[in-house]
C-alpha atoms as a PDB file:
ATOM      1  CA  MET A   1      68.720  19.421  42.606  1.00  0.00           C
ATOM      2  CA  GLY A   2      66.567  17.171  44.945  1.00  0.00           C
ATOM      3  CA  LYS A   3      65.924  13.561  44.359  1.00  0.00           C
ATOM      4  CA  TYR A   4      62.253  14.475  43.620  1.00  0.00           C
ATOM      5  CA  SER A   5      63.315  16.740  40.764  1.00  0.00           C
ATOM      6  CA  VAL A   6      65.820  14.518  39.547  1.00  0.00           C
ATOM      7  CA  LEU A   7      63.157  11.898  39.012  1.00  0.00           C
ATOM      8  CA  VAL A   8      60.732  14.150  37.210  1.00  0.00           C
ATOM      9  CA  VAL A   9      63.509  15.169  34.823  1.00  0.00           C
ATOM     10  CA  LEU A  10      64.216  11.364  34.130  1.00  0.00           C
ATOM     11  CA  LEU A  11      60.618  10.501  33.591  1.00  0.00           C
ATOM     12  CA  PHE A  12      60.197  13.389  31.375  1.00  0.00           C
ATOM     13  CA  CYS A  13      63.136  12.298  29.285  1.00  0.00           C
ATOM     14  CA  LEU A  14      61.991   8.785  28.971  1.00  0.00           C
ATOM     15  CA  THR A  15      58.450  10.051  27.819  1.00  0.00           C
ATOM     16  CA  SER A  16      59.838  12.323  25.129  1.00  0.00           C
ATOM     17  CA  CYS A  17      62.049   9.077  23.557  1.00  0.00           C
ATOM     18  CA  LEU A  18      59.122   6.923  23.730  1.00  0.00           C
ATOM     19  CA  SER A  19      56.984   9.531  21.862  1.00  0.00           C
ATOM     20  CA  LYS A  20      58.924   9.491  18.711  1.00  0.00           C
ATOM     21  CA  LYS A  21      57.113   9.093  15.683  1.00  0.00           C
ATOM     22  CA  ASP A  22      59.536   6.717  13.651  1.00  0.00           C
ATOM     23  CA  ILE A  23      61.266   3.531  14.463  1.00  0.00           C
ATOM     24  CA  VAL A  24      64.673   2.656  13.287  1.00  0.00           C
ATOM     25  CA  LEU A  25      64.742  -1.045  12.284  1.00  0.00           C
ATOM     26  CA  GLN A  26      68.285  -1.924  12.928  1.00  0.00           C
ATOM     27  CA  ASP A  27      69.994  -5.237  12.185  1.00  0.00           C
ATOM     28  CA  PRO A  28      73.178  -5.617  14.345  1.00  0.00           C
ATOM     29  CA  ASN A  29      74.715  -8.131  11.839  1.00  0.00           C
ATOM     30  CA  TRP A  30      74.539  -5.456   8.993  1.00  0.00           C
ATOM     31  CA  GLY A  31      76.303  -2.672  11.041  1.00  0.00           C
ATOM     32  CA  ASN A  32      79.435  -2.663   9.039  1.00  0.00           C
ATOM     33  CA  GLY A  33      77.595  -2.598   5.668  1.00  0.00           C
ATOM     34  CA  PRO A  34      77.039   0.559   3.644  1.00  0.00           C
ATOM     35  CA  SER A  35      73.232   0.643   4.647  1.00  0.00           C
ATOM     36  CA  SER A  36      72.497  -1.057   7.878  1.00  0.00           C
ATOM     37  CA  SER A  37      69.036   0.487   8.721  1.00  0.00           C
ATOM     38  CA  THR A  38      66.073   2.243   7.470  1.00  0.00           C
ATOM     39  CA  VAL A  39      63.237   4.226   9.213  1.00  0.00           C
ATOM     40  CA  ALA A  40      59.763   2.685   9.348  1.00  0.00           C
ATOM     41  CA  SER A  41      56.644   4.965   9.281  1.00  0.00           C
ATOM     42  CA  SER A  42      54.525   4.836  12.501  1.00  0.00           C
ATOM     43  CA  SER A  43      51.534   4.380  10.416  1.00  0.00           C
ATOM     44  CA  SER A  44      52.250   0.719  10.414  1.00  0.00           C
ATOM     45  CA  PRO A  45      53.078  -1.520  13.525  1.00  0.00           C
ATOM     46  CA  SER A  46      56.593  -2.350  14.514  1.00  0.00           C
ATOM     47  CA  PRO A  47      57.625  -5.893  13.647  1.00  0.00           C
ATOM     48  CA  VAL A  48      57.101  -7.707  16.877  1.00  0.00           C
ATOM     49  CA  LEU A  49      56.468 -11.211  17.735  1.00  0.00           C
ATOM     50  CA  PRO A  50      53.274 -12.435  19.243  1.00  0.00           C
ATOM     51  CA  SER A  51      53.201 -13.760  22.807  1.00  0.00           C
ATOM     52  CA  ASP A  52      52.705 -17.348  21.465  1.00  0.00           C
ATOM     53  CA  GLU A  53      55.829 -17.147  18.948  1.00  0.00           C
ATOM     54  CA  VAL A  54      58.479 -19.550  19.952  1.00  0.00           C
ATOM     55  CA  SER A  55      61.924 -18.144  19.482  1.00  0.00           C
ATOM     56  CA  LEU A  56      64.623 -20.319  17.869  1.00  0.00           C
ATOM     57  CA  PRO A  57      68.024 -20.608  19.383  1.00  0.00           C
ATOM     58  CA  ARG A  58      70.583 -18.253  18.116  1.00  0.00           C
ATOM     59  CA  SER A  59      72.062 -21.135  15.832  1.00  0.00           C
ATOM     60  CA  SER A  60      69.084 -23.071  14.778  1.00  0.00           C
ATOM     61  CA  THR A  61      69.364 -26.494  13.524  1.00  0.00           C
ATOM     62  CA  ALA A  62      67.478 -27.825  10.583  1.00  0.00           C
ATOM     63  CA  GLU A  63      65.460 -30.094  12.904  1.00  0.00           C
ATOM     64  CA  ALA A  64      64.571 -27.289  15.075  1.00  0.00           C
ATOM     65  CA  TYR A  65      63.571 -25.278  12.411  1.00  0.00           C
ATOM     66  CA  ILE A  66      61.365 -27.843  11.037  1.00  0.00           C
ATOM     67  CA  ALA A  67      59.657 -28.638  14.076  1.00  0.00           C
ATOM     68  CA  ARG A  68      58.978 -25.181  14.660  1.00  0.00           C
ATOM     69  CA  TYR A  69      57.602 -24.354  11.264  1.00  0.00           C
ATOM     70  CA  LYS A  70      55.918 -27.631   9.835  1.00  0.00           C
ATOM     71  CA  ASN A  71      52.584 -26.918  10.916  1.00  0.00           C
ATOM     72  CA  ILE A  72      52.567 -23.471   9.067  1.00  0.00           C
ATOM     73  CA  ALA A  73      53.782 -25.153   5.932  1.00  0.00           C
ATOM     74  CA  ILE A  74      51.087 -27.781   6.204  1.00  0.00           C
ATOM     75  CA  GLN A  75      48.529 -25.082   6.607  1.00  0.00           C
ATOM     76  CA  GLU A  76      49.899 -23.115   3.663  1.00  0.00           C
ATOM     77  CA  MET A  77      49.655 -26.377   1.607  1.00  0.00           C
ATOM     78  CA  ASN A  78      46.079 -26.864   2.602  1.00  0.00           C
ATOM     79  CA  GLN A  79      45.147 -23.541   1.520  1.00  0.00           C
ATOM     80  CA  TYR A  80      47.370 -23.144  -1.768  1.00  0.00           C
ATOM     81  CA  GLY A  81      48.436 -26.433  -2.644  1.00  0.00           C
ATOM     82  CA  ILE A  82      52.038 -25.773  -2.185  1.00  0.00           C
ATOM     83  CA  PRO A  83      53.721 -28.963  -0.998  1.00  0.00           C
ATOM     84  CA  ALA A  84      54.715 -28.425   2.683  1.00  0.00           C
ATOM     85  CA  SER A  85      57.729 -30.132   1.665  1.00  0.00           C
ATOM     86  CA  ILE A  86      58.650 -27.563  -0.792  1.00  0.00           C
ATOM     87  CA  LYS A  87      57.671 -24.604   1.565  1.00  0.00           C
ATOM     88  CA  LEU A  88      60.047 -26.002   4.264  1.00  0.00           C
ATOM     89  CA  ALA A  89      62.907 -26.791   1.836  1.00  0.00           C
ATOM     90  CA  GLN A  90      62.933 -23.316   0.310  1.00  0.00           C
ATOM     91  CA  ALA A  91      62.540 -21.762   3.913  1.00  0.00           C
ATOM     92  CA  LEU A  92      65.540 -23.494   5.200  1.00  0.00           C
ATOM     93  CA  LEU A  93      67.667 -23.083   2.049  1.00  0.00           C
ATOM     94  CA  GLU A  94      66.975 -19.355   2.041  1.00  0.00           C
ATOM     95  CA  SER A  95      67.107 -18.575   5.792  1.00  0.00           C
ATOM     96  CA  GLY A  96      69.941 -20.837   6.578  1.00  0.00           C
ATOM     97  CA  ASN A  97      67.670 -22.675   9.026  1.00  0.00           C
ATOM     98  CA  GLY A  98      66.448 -19.514  10.198  1.00  0.00           C
ATOM     99  CA  ASN A  99      69.876 -18.237  11.230  1.00  0.00           C
ATOM    100  CA  SER A 100      70.050 -15.424   8.526  1.00  0.00           C
ATOM    101  CA  SER A 101      69.884 -11.919   9.470  1.00  0.00           C
ATOM    102  CA  LEU A 102      66.831 -11.150   7.233  1.00  0.00           C
ATOM    103  CA  ALA A 103      64.989 -14.093   8.867  1.00  0.00           C
ATOM    104  CA  ARG A 104      65.865 -13.088  12.590  1.00  0.00           C
ATOM    105  CA  ASN A 105      65.768  -9.146  12.058  1.00  0.00           C
ATOM    106  CA  ALA A 106      62.805  -8.952   9.583  1.00  0.00           C
ATOM    107  CA  ASN A 107      60.922 -12.099   9.984  1.00  0.00           C
ATOM    108  CA  ASN A 108      61.824 -12.639   6.270  1.00  0.00           C
ATOM    109  CA  HIS A 109      62.197 -16.274   5.848  1.00  0.00           C
ATOM    110  CA  PHE A 110      62.181 -16.364   1.958  1.00  0.00           C
ATOM    111  CA  GLY A 111      64.414 -13.667   1.208  1.00  0.00           C
ATOM    112  CA  ILE A 112      61.682 -11.792  -0.698  1.00  0.00           C
ATOM    113  CA  LYS A 113      62.674  -8.240  -1.923  1.00  0.00           C
ATOM    114  CA  SER A 114      60.362  -5.423  -1.667  1.00  0.00           C
ATOM    115  CA  THR A 115      58.508  -4.163  -5.069  1.00  0.00           C
ATOM    116  CA  SER A 116      56.386  -1.175  -5.816  1.00  0.00           C
ATOM    117  CA  SER A 117      53.257  -2.958  -4.794  1.00  0.00           C
ATOM    118  CA  TRP A 118      54.501  -3.795  -1.364  1.00  0.00           C
ATOM    119  CA  GLN A 119      52.895  -1.518   1.258  1.00  0.00           C
ATOM    120  CA  GLY A 120      54.539  -2.833   4.386  1.00  0.00           C
ATOM    121  CA  LYS A 121      58.051  -1.841   5.994  1.00  0.00           C
ATOM    122  CA  THR A 122      61.241  -2.631   4.430  1.00  0.00           C
ATOM    123  CA  VAL A 123      64.780  -2.888   5.390  1.00  0.00           C
ATOM    124  CA  LEU A 124      67.995  -2.075   3.504  1.00  0.00           C
ATOM    125  CA  LYS A 125      70.775  -4.795   2.848  1.00  0.00           C
ATOM    126  CA  SER A 126      73.342  -5.374   0.113  1.00  0.00           C
ATOM    127  CA  ASP A 127      72.536  -7.810  -2.445  1.00  0.00           C
ATOM    128  CA  ASP A 128      72.380  -7.205  -6.073  1.00  0.00           C
ATOM    129  CA  ARG A 129      72.833  -3.494  -5.209  1.00  0.00           C
ATOM    130  CA  PRO A 130      74.087  -2.073  -2.121  1.00  0.00           C
ATOM    131  CA  ASP A 131      70.667  -0.605  -1.104  1.00  0.00           C
ATOM    132  CA  ASP A 132      68.283  -3.491  -2.080  1.00  0.00           C
ATOM    133  CA  ARG A 133      65.125  -3.338  -0.041  1.00  0.00           C
ATOM    134  CA  PHE A 134      63.517  -6.346   1.422  1.00  0.00           C
ATOM    135  CA  ARG A 135      60.280  -6.887   2.994  1.00  0.00           C
ATOM    136  CA  VAL A 136      59.654  -6.773   6.823  1.00  0.00           C
ATOM    137  CA  TYR A 137      56.975  -8.953   8.504  1.00  0.00           C
ATOM    138  CA  ARG A 138      55.488  -8.864  12.093  1.00  0.00           C
ATOM    139  CA  THR A 139      55.758 -12.519  12.430  1.00  0.00           C
ATOM    140  CA  ALA A 140      57.484 -15.614  10.485  1.00  0.00           C
ATOM    141  CA  GLU A 141      53.926 -16.616   9.844  1.00  0.00           C
ATOM    142  CA  GLU A 142      53.351 -13.709   7.754  1.00  0.00           C
ATOM    143  CA  SER A 143      56.406 -14.409   5.837  1.00  0.00           C
ATOM    144  CA  PHE A 144      55.203 -18.006   4.904  1.00  0.00           C
ATOM    145  CA  ARG A 145      51.839 -16.626   4.035  1.00  0.00           C
ATOM    146  CA  ASP A 146      53.362 -13.795   1.776  1.00  0.00           C
ATOM    147  CA  HIS A 147      55.638 -16.221   0.123  1.00  0.00           C
ATOM    148  CA  SER A 148      52.401 -18.173  -0.971  1.00  0.00           C
ATOM    149  CA  GLU A 149      50.709 -15.106  -2.259  1.00  0.00           C
ATOM    150  CA  PHE A 150      53.850 -14.140  -4.030  1.00  0.00           C
ATOM    151  CA  LEU A 151      53.759 -17.374  -6.091  1.00  0.00           C
ATOM    152  CA  LEU A 152      50.159 -16.302  -7.454  1.00  0.00           C
ATOM    153  CA  ARG A 153      51.746 -14.798 -10.603  1.00  0.00           C
ATOM    154  CA  LYS A 154      51.344 -15.990 -14.133  1.00  0.00           C
ATOM    155  CA  ARG A 155      54.917 -17.132 -14.415  1.00  0.00           C
ATOM    156  CA  TYR A 156      54.178 -19.548 -11.598  1.00  0.00           C
ATOM    157  CA  ALA A 157      50.663 -20.627 -12.647  1.00  0.00           C
ATOM    158  CA  ALA A 158      51.578 -23.678 -14.053  1.00  0.00           C
ATOM    159  CA  LEU A 159      53.011 -25.175 -10.680  1.00  0.00           C
ATOM    160  CA  PHE A 160      49.251 -24.956  -9.008  1.00  0.00           C
ATOM    161  CA  GLU A 161      48.033 -27.451 -11.521  1.00  0.00           C
ATOM    162  CA  LEU A 162      50.579 -30.016 -10.072  1.00  0.00           C
ATOM    163  CA  ASP A 163      49.632 -32.440  -7.349  1.00  0.00           C
ATOM    164  CA  ARG A 164      50.091 -30.936  -3.970  1.00  0.00           C
ATOM    165  CA  ASP A 165      52.241 -34.080  -2.912  1.00  0.00           C
ATOM    166  CA  ASP A 166      54.614 -33.801  -6.285  1.00  0.00           C
ATOM    167  CA  TYR A 167      57.582 -32.174  -4.722  1.00  0.00           C
ATOM    168  CA  LYS A 168      59.839 -33.148  -7.394  1.00  0.00           C
ATOM    169  CA  GLY A 169      57.470 -31.436 -10.088  1.00  0.00           C
ATOM    170  CA  TRP A 170      57.391 -28.334  -7.838  1.00  0.00           C
ATOM    171  CA  ALA A 171      61.071 -28.063  -7.478  1.00  0.00           C
ATOM    172  CA  ARG A 172      61.785 -28.355 -11.044  1.00  0.00           C
ATOM    173  CA  GLY A 173      58.886 -25.994 -11.928  1.00  0.00           C
ATOM    174  CA  LEU A 174      60.377 -23.181  -9.604  1.00  0.00           C
ATOM    175  CA  LYS A 175      63.746 -23.644 -11.444  1.00  0.00           C
ATOM    176  CA  LYS A 176      62.151 -23.413 -14.726  1.00  0.00           C
ATOM    177  CA  ALA A 177      59.987 -20.522 -13.904  1.00  0.00           C
ATOM    178  CA  GLY A 178      63.037 -18.502 -12.580  1.00  0.00           C
ATOM    179  CA  TYR A 179      62.675 -18.501  -9.054  1.00  0.00           C
ATOM    180  CA  ALA A 180      66.270 -18.805  -8.515  1.00  0.00           C
ATOM    181  CA  THR A 181      69.488 -18.248 -10.755  1.00  0.00           C
ATOM    182  CA  ASN A 182      71.329 -21.425  -9.235  1.00  0.00           C
ATOM    183  CA  PRO A 183      71.190 -23.959 -11.823  1.00  0.00           C
ATOM    184  CA  ARG A 184      71.071 -26.797  -9.279  1.00  0.00           C
ATOM    185  CA  TYR A 185      68.234 -25.166  -7.355  1.00  0.00           C
ATOM    186  CA  ALA A 186      65.591 -27.933  -8.108  1.00  0.00           C
ATOM    187  CA  GLU A 187      68.332 -30.516  -6.989  1.00  0.00           C
ATOM    188  CA  LEU A 188      68.911 -28.736  -3.897  1.00  0.00           C
ATOM    189  CA  LEU A 189      65.317 -28.640  -2.843  1.00  0.00           C
ATOM    190  CA  ILE A 190      64.822 -32.091  -3.541  1.00  0.00           C
ATOM    191  CA  ASN A 191      68.019 -33.201  -1.512  1.00  0.00           C
ATOM    192  CA  LEU A 192      66.817 -31.270   1.350  1.00  0.00           C
ATOM    193  CA  ILE A 193      63.463 -32.821   1.345  1.00  0.00           C
ATOM    194  CA  GLU A 194      64.859 -36.153   0.967  1.00  0.00           C
ATOM    195  CA  ARG A 195      67.498 -35.611   3.595  1.00  0.00           C
ATOM    196  CA  TYR A 196      64.990 -34.426   6.326  1.00  0.00           C
ATOM    197  CA  ASP A 197      62.226 -36.760   5.053  1.00  0.00           C
ATOM    198  CA  LEU A 198      60.072 -33.500   4.536  1.00  0.00           C
ATOM    199  CA  GLN A 199      57.855 -35.366   1.993  1.00  0.00           C
ATOM    200  CA  GLN A 200      55.963 -36.686   5.088  1.00  0.00           C
ATOM    201  CA  TYR A 201      54.193 -33.628   5.691  1.00  0.00           C
ATOM    202  CA  ASP A 202      52.531 -33.531   2.210  1.00  0.00           C
ATOM    203  CA  ARG A 203      49.268 -34.626   1.843  1.00  0.00           C
ATOM    204  CA  SER A 204      47.611 -36.052  -1.458  1.00  0.00           C
ATOM    205  CA  GLU A 205      44.215 -35.171  -2.650  1.00  0.00           C
ATOM    206  CA  THR A 206      41.313 -36.644  -4.486  1.00  0.00           C
ATOM    207  CA  PRO A 207      40.635 -35.381  -8.191  1.00  0.00           C
ATOM    208  CA  THR A 208      37.605 -33.447  -6.979  1.00  0.00           C
ATOM    209  CA  GLU A 209      39.653 -31.853  -4.225  1.00  0.00           C
ATOM    210  CA  LYS A 210      42.288 -30.841  -6.711  1.00  0.00           C
ATOM    211  CA  LEU A 211      39.820 -29.470  -8.937  1.00  0.00           C
ATOM    212  CA  HIS A 212      38.247 -27.298  -6.387  1.00  0.00           C
ATOM    213  CA  ARG A 213      41.488 -25.964  -5.096  1.00  0.00           C
ATOM    214  CA  GLU A 214      43.013 -25.340  -8.687  1.00  0.00           C
ATOM    215  CA  GLU A 215      39.586 -23.218  -9.419  1.00  0.00           C
ATOM    216  CA  VAL A 216      39.924 -21.437  -6.321  1.00  0.00           C
ATOM    217  CA  VAL A 217      43.858 -20.695  -6.401  1.00  0.00           C
ATOM    218  CA  LEU A 218      43.995 -20.185  -9.977  1.00  0.00           C
ATOM    219  CA  ALA A 219      41.365 -17.610  -9.803  1.00  0.00           C
ATOM    220  CA  GLU A 220      43.524 -15.691  -7.486  1.00  0.00           C
ATOM    221  CA  VAL A 221      46.649 -15.606  -9.993  1.00  0.00           C
ATOM    222  CA  VAL A 222      47.544 -11.953 -10.762  1.00  0.00           C
ATOM    223  CA  LYS A 223      46.592 -11.278 -14.556  1.00  0.00           C
ATOM    224  CA  GLU A 224      47.951  -7.904 -14.863  1.00  0.00           C
ATOM    225  CA  ILE A 225      50.996  -6.498 -13.308  1.00  0.00           C
ATOM    226  CA  PRO A 226      52.150  -2.742 -13.489  1.00  0.00           C
ATOM    227  CA  GLU A 227      54.935  -2.477 -16.033  1.00  0.00           C
ATOM    228  CA  GLU A 228      57.120  -0.824 -13.366  1.00  0.00           C
ATOM    229  CA  GLU A 229      56.762  -4.229 -11.202  1.00  0.00           C
ATOM    230  CA  LYS A 230      57.468  -6.247 -14.377  1.00  0.00           C
ATOM    231  CA  LYS A 231      60.847  -4.657 -14.585  1.00  0.00           C
ATOM    232  CA  GLU A 232      61.346  -5.086 -10.893  1.00  0.00           C
ATOM    233  CA  MET A 233      60.409  -8.872 -11.248  1.00  0.00           C
ATOM    234  CA  ALA A 234      62.759  -9.535 -14.178  1.00  0.00           C
ATOM    235  CA  LYS A 235      65.571 -10.699 -11.764  1.00  0.00           C
ATOM    236  CA  PRO A 236      64.642 -13.531  -9.268  1.00  0.00           C
ATOM    237  CA  PRO A 237      62.920 -12.096  -6.164  1.00  0.00           C
ATOM    238  CA  VAL A 238      65.068 -13.805  -3.546  1.00  0.00           C
ATOM    239  CA  ALA A 239      68.315 -13.297  -1.823  1.00  0.00           C
ATOM    240  CA  MET A 240      70.156 -16.575  -1.564  1.00  0.00           C
ATOM    241  CA  SER A 241      73.770 -17.510  -1.861  1.00  0.00           C
ATOM    242  CA  ILE A 242      74.422 -21.254  -1.306  1.00  0.00           C
ATOM    243  CA  HIS A 243      78.039 -22.890  -1.741  1.00  0.00           C
ATOM    244  CA  GLU A 244      78.347 -26.559  -2.524  1.00  0.00           C
ATOM    245  CA  VAL A 245      81.615 -27.944  -0.827  1.00  0.00           C
ATOM    246  CA  ARG A 246      84.156 -29.083  -3.109  1.00  0.00           C
ATOM    247  CA  SER A 247      87.201 -31.133  -2.356  1.00  0.00           C
ATOM    248  CA  GLY A 248      89.876 -28.702  -0.873  1.00  0.00           C
ATOM    249  CA  ASP A 249      87.494 -25.985   0.379  1.00  0.00           C
ATOM    250  CA  THR A 250      88.029 -24.432   3.815  1.00  0.00           C
ATOM    251  CA  LEU A 251      86.154 -22.071   5.969  1.00  0.00           C
ATOM    252  CA  MET A 252      88.885 -19.378   5.321  1.00  0.00           C
ATOM    253  CA  ALA A 253      88.815 -19.768   1.737  1.00  0.00           C
ATOM    254  CA  LEU A 254      85.082 -19.414   1.708  1.00  0.00           C
ATOM    255  CA  SER A 255      85.113 -16.571   4.018  1.00  0.00           C
ATOM    256  CA  ARG A 256      87.503 -14.610   1.286  1.00  0.00           C
ATOM    257  CA  THR A 257      85.400 -15.654  -1.746  1.00  0.00           C
ATOM    258  CA  TYR A 258      82.110 -14.628  -0.360  1.00  0.00           C
ATOM    259  CA  SER A 259      83.203 -11.614   1.993  1.00  0.00           C
ATOM    260  CA  ILE A 260      81.626 -13.268   4.997  1.00  0.00           C
ATOM    261  CA  SER A 261      83.465 -14.050   8.131  1.00  0.00           C
ATOM    262  CA  VAL A 262      84.289 -17.555   9.200  1.00  0.00           C
ATOM    263  CA  GLU A 263      82.177 -16.997  12.282  1.00  0.00           C
ATOM    264  CA  ASP A 264      79.203 -16.086  10.490  1.00  0.00           C
ATOM    265  CA  ILE A 265      79.467 -19.286   8.242  1.00  0.00           C
ATOM    266  CA  LYS A 266      79.510 -21.218  11.206  1.00  0.00           C
ATOM    267  CA  THR A 267      76.577 -19.691  13.042  1.00  0.00           C
ATOM    268  CA  LEU A 268      74.472 -19.788   9.600  1.00  0.00           C
ATOM    269  CA  ASN A 269      75.144 -23.239   9.063  1.00  0.00           C
ATOM    270  CA  ASN A 270      75.198 -24.475  12.840  1.00  0.00           C
ATOM    271  CA  LEU A 271      78.827 -25.671  12.407  1.00  0.00           C
ATOM    272  CA  ASN A 272      80.648 -26.574  15.343  1.00  0.00           C
ATOM    273  CA  GLY A 273      84.102 -27.134  13.976  1.00  0.00           C
ATOM    274  CA  ASP A 274      86.299 -26.357  11.039  1.00  0.00           C
ATOM    275  CA  SER A 275      85.800 -29.548   9.107  1.00  0.00           C
ATOM    276  CA  LEU A 276      83.690 -29.629   5.776  1.00  0.00           C
ATOM    277  CA  SER A 277      82.506 -32.574   3.529  1.00  0.00           C
ATOM    278  CA  PRO A 278      82.208 -32.434  -0.333  1.00  0.00           C
ATOM    279  CA  GLY A 279      78.799 -32.070  -1.462  1.00  0.00           C
ATOM    280  CA  GLN A 280      77.691 -30.406   1.843  1.00  0.00           C
ATOM    281  CA  LEU A 281      75.366 -27.248   1.028  1.00  0.00           C
ATOM    282  CA  LEU A 282      76.277 -23.992   2.947  1.00  0.00           C
ATOM    283  CA  LEU A 283      74.587 -20.776   3.245  1.00  0.00           C
ATOM    284  CA  VAL A 284      77.314 -18.075   2.660  1.00  0.00           C
ATOM    285  CA  SER A 285      75.053 -14.729   2.564  1.00  0.00           C
ATOM    286  CA  LYS A 286      73.778 -12.979   5.550  1.00  0.00           C
END
């Protein structure tokens, strides 16, 4: 076969491969799990980053994450009244500074699972069940916006009556409303906010501004939810496993306890060595 014929065959094969209707969303970190991929319909766009999206390094620090997403958190605060500090603290906690596989491969920075009302793409990952479905977003910005809209439910309605610079009230209110099962969830958020001075991004509002914001936002709160989705929402919506280091803890012991490799723990928490400090918070779920 001549060189020209070989070139034609190669071009035909390449064109044929690119014309496939389905796209497989594969997370390399989930390759050893029972369900490491799912097929996304071609009817919706594949999750690609926009040209102006700034990629974070493979092992992002909290400081780098905050610098990258603080403006998005402020924008969401201005529209919905959710303190920017709360938004950033939740994202830091639930994405491991953006290092979790959900954040990196599905742009899902809040670990929000898919429910029957979700019309977008999903990805499979072991959590409460081996085949839990999680939402896939085109960009991190979409994840931040969906998190705001996710809170527009009756169970969280009281939060929107709080001041948008009342991060302590929001943290305690989220825990009281059942956003997460960790009994120290509010304390974890408050500690993160004060450790990284995230409250500097919160903005107060005048009584008139607050009243207008409440009227606009609370009018969007979902009042009627299908029975099927109510059952799905019975459990906390997010995937998050945080360990508070105690005296005597080692990375090897945590690796066995949470079935996650030592290297993954280091990557998720931006650890350079093996030493741990009591009270340190570690993300121990990918």
